């Protein structure tokens, strides 16, 4: 089993899509990137902690590659938006790929380069993994529990 971390705005929508992807065994929503240890959702949503809403994706690399996860990440959010995601505006909603090693960084930068060559203006940042703090329980599987679909995320095919 392997783990990947992505930030793409509201973590509810990102989780909604990733948990439906073949090869993903578990998703966890939380926070990464700030200076405050164990932040609460209430603290992060102010935009003052430096954290981004982030999803942890546990996956089987025999069923889905890291590169496929990165491509899917770009297909489920507006990676060109520079100030958040959809109606969610603020630093806590920025787009980022959190890489744990040079191989992941190489893949992330390769896909960003491909998108740039396609004419996209990629706002997604590539950052080194930092401590991940799990969000409160009521945020986990939030949209499925409420039988809702994402408001700020939509799947659109980009890669062949």
Protein backbone atom coordinates (compact mmCIF):
# COMPACT_ATOMS: atom_id res chain seq x y z
CA UNK A 1 0.00 0.00 0.00
CA UNK A 2 1.19 3.53 -0.79
CA UNK A 3 0.04 7.00 0.19
CA UNK A 4 -0.32 10.25 -1.74
CA UNK A 5 -1.46 13.72 -0.64
CA UNK A 6 -3.36 16.29 -2.68
CA UNK A 7 -4.90 19.70 -2.01
CA UNK A 8 -7.53 20.96 -4.44
CA UNK A 9 -9.88 23.24 -2.57
CA UNK A 10 -12.66 21.90 -0.38
CA UNK A 11 -11.52 18.47 0.72
CA UNK A 12 -15.06 17.06 0.62
CA UNK A 13 -15.19 17.19 -3.17
CA UNK A 14 -11.66 15.86 -3.62
CA UNK A 15 -12.44 12.93 -1.33
CA UNK A 16 -15.72 12.27 -3.15
CA UNK A 17 -13.89 11.65 -6.43
CA UNK A 18 -10.76 9.89 -5.16
CA UNK A 19 -12.64 7.35 -3.07
CA UNK A 20 -14.40 6.18 -6.26
CA UNK A 21 -11.18 5.56 -8.17
CA UNK A 22 -10.17 1.93 -8.71
CA UNK A 23 -7.09 1.11 -6.67
CA UNK A 24 -7.81 3.62 -3.90
CA UNK A 25 -8.41 1.74 -0.66
CA UNK A 26 -8.98 4.63 1.73
CA UNK A 27 -9.26 8.40 1.80
CA UNK A 28 -8.82 10.70 4.78
CA UNK A 29 -9.49 14.43 4.80
CA UNK A 30 -7.31 16.76 6.81
CA UNK A 31 -4.78 19.55 6.71
CA UNK A 32 -1.17 19.98 5.65
CA UNK A 33 1.32 22.79 5.30
CA UNK A 34 0.80 25.07 8.25
CA UNK A 35 2.71 25.81 11.42
CA UNK A 36 0.01 25.03 14.00
CA UNK A 37 0.05 21.45 15.32
CA UNK A 38 -3.27 19.58 15.27
CA UNK A 39 -5.34 22.45 13.87
CA UNK A 40 -9.11 22.34 13.92
CA UNK A 41 -11.30 22.95 10.89
CA UNK A 42 -12.48 26.15 12.55
CA UNK A 43 -8.88 27.39 12.77
CA UNK A 44 -7.88 26.32 9.24
CA UNK A 45 -10.95 27.84 7.58
CA UNK A 46 -9.85 31.30 8.74
CA UNK A 47 -6.87 31.02 6.37
CA UNK A 48 -4.50 32.14 9.13
CA UNK A 49 -2.79 28.83 9.97
CA UNK A 50 -1.02 28.25 6.65
CA UNK A 51 -2.64 24.84 6.20
CA UNK A 52 -4.32 23.66 3.02
CA UNK A 53 -7.33 21.40 3.07
CA UNK A 54 -5.71 18.13 2.01
CA UNK A 55 -6.71 14.58 1.24
CA UNK A 56 -4.66 11.54 2.08
CA UNK A 57 -5.09 8.81 -0.54
CA UNK A 58 -4.09 5.26 0.37
CA UNK A 59 -3.77 3.22 -2.80
CA UNK A 60 -2.52 -0.02 -4.25
CA UNK A 61 0.22 0.77 -6.81
CA UNK A 62 -0.51 -2.59 -8.47
CA UNK A 63 -3.97 -1.25 -9.40
CA UNK A 64 -3.33 2.47 -9.91
CA UNK A 65 -0.03 4.27 -10.44
CA UNK A 66 1.07 7.47 -8.77
CA UNK A 67 1.09 9.09 -12.22
CA UNK A 68 -2.53 8.05 -12.77
CA UNK A 69 -3.45 9.60 -9.40
CA UNK A 70 -1.75 12.87 -10.35
CA UNK A 71 -3.52 12.99 -13.70
CA UNK A 72 -6.86 12.26 -12.02
CA UNK A 73 -6.18 15.03 -9.47
CA UNK A 74 -5.89 17.52 -12.34
CA UNK A 75 -9.11 16.21 -13.89
CA UNK A 76 -11.25 16.82 -10.79
CA UNK A 77 -10.51 20.48 -10.02
CA UNK A 78 -9.71 23.83 -11.61
CA UNK A 79 -5.93 23.79 -11.33
CA UNK A 80 -5.71 27.18 -13.08
CA UNK A 81 -7.57 29.02 -10.31
CA UNK A 82 -5.04 31.00 -8.28
CA UNK A 83 -7.10 32.11 -5.27
CA UNK A 84 -8.90 28.96 -4.15
CA UNK A 85 -11.36 26.60 -5.75
CA UNK A 86 -14.73 27.60 -7.11
CA UNK A 87 -16.55 29.74 -4.59
CA UNK A 88 -14.10 28.75 -1.84
CA UNK A 89 -11.58 31.58 -1.84
CA UNK A 90 -8.53 31.68 0.40
CA UNK A 91 -5.09 30.22 0.97
CA UNK A 92 -6.55 27.12 2.65
CA UNK A 93 -8.18 26.15 -0.68
CA UNK A 94 -5.12 26.35 -2.96
CA UNK A 95 -4.06 23.55 -5.28
CA UNK A 96 -0.98 21.52 -4.31
CA UNK A 97 0.61 18.13 -4.80
CA UNK A 98 2.53 17.03 -1.71
CA UNK A 99 5.48 14.87 -2.73
CA UNK A 100 7.30 12.45 -0.44
CA UNK A 101 10.33 11.68 -2.62
CA UNK A 102 12.18 12.71 -5.79
CA UNK A 103 10.27 10.18 -7.90
CA UNK A 104 6.91 11.71 -6.96
CA UNK A 105 8.28 15.18 -7.63
CA UNK A 106 9.49 14.11 -11.08
CA UNK A 107 6.04 12.71 -11.93
CA UNK A 108 4.21 15.80 -10.66
CA UNK A 109 6.45 18.18 -12.61
CA UNK A 110 6.19 16.01 -15.73
CA UNK A 111 2.37 16.19 -15.66
CA UNK A 112 2.43 19.96 -15.01
CA UNK A 113 4.77 20.32 -17.99
CA UNK A 114 2.35 18.31 -20.15
CA UNK A 115 -0.53 20.56 -19.09
CA UNK A 116 1.53 23.67 -19.82
CA UNK A 117 2.28 22.36 -23.30
CA UNK A 118 -1.49 21.88 -23.77
CA UNK A 119 -1.92 25.61 -23.09
CA UNK A 120 -3.03 25.49 -19.47
CA UNK A 121 -1.74 27.97 -16.88
CA UNK A 122 -1.16 25.64 -13.95
CA UNK A 123 -1.47 27.27 -10.52
CA UNK A 124 -0.83 24.01 -8.65
CA UNK A 125 2.21 24.05 -6.39
CA UNK A 126 4.46 21.05 -5.80
CA UNK A 127 5.47 20.91 -2.14
CA UNK A 128 7.30 18.51 0.14
CA UNK A 129 5.10 16.43 2.42
CA UNK A 130 4.65 17.91 5.86
CA UNK A 131 2.80 16.53 8.89
CA UNK A 132 -0.77 15.60 7.98
CA UNK A 133 -3.47 16.33 10.53
CA UNK A 134 -6.74 14.43 10.20
CA UNK A 135 -9.84 16.62 10.20
CA UNK A 136 -12.64 16.05 12.68
CA UNK A 137 -14.71 12.88 12.18
CA UNK A 138 -17.76 14.69 10.81
CA UNK A 139 -15.67 15.79 7.79
CA UNK A 140 -14.79 12.21 6.79
CA UNK A 141 -17.03 10.95 3.95
CA UNK A 142 -19.02 14.14 4.41
CA UNK A 143 -20.75 14.31 1.02
CA UNK A 144 -21.62 10.60 1.00
CA UNK A 145 -23.10 10.83 4.49
CA UNK A 146 -25.29 13.72 3.34
CA UNK A 147 -26.03 12.03 -0.01
CA UNK A 148 -24.71 15.09 -1.83
CA UNK A 149 -22.34 15.67 -4.73
CA UNK A 150 -19.48 18.20 -4.89
CA UNK A 151 -20.24 21.86 -5.57
CA UNK A 152 -16.68 23.02 -6.32
CA UNK A 153 -15.43 19.93 -8.16
CA UNK A 154 -16.38 18.21 -11.37
CA UNK A 155 -14.65 15.49 -13.36
CA UNK A 156 -13.44 16.46 -16.82
CA UNK A 157 -11.30 14.21 -18.99
CA UNK A 158 -7.98 15.85 -19.97
CA UNK A 159 -5.56 12.96 -20.44
CA UNK A 160 -5.85 10.04 -22.84
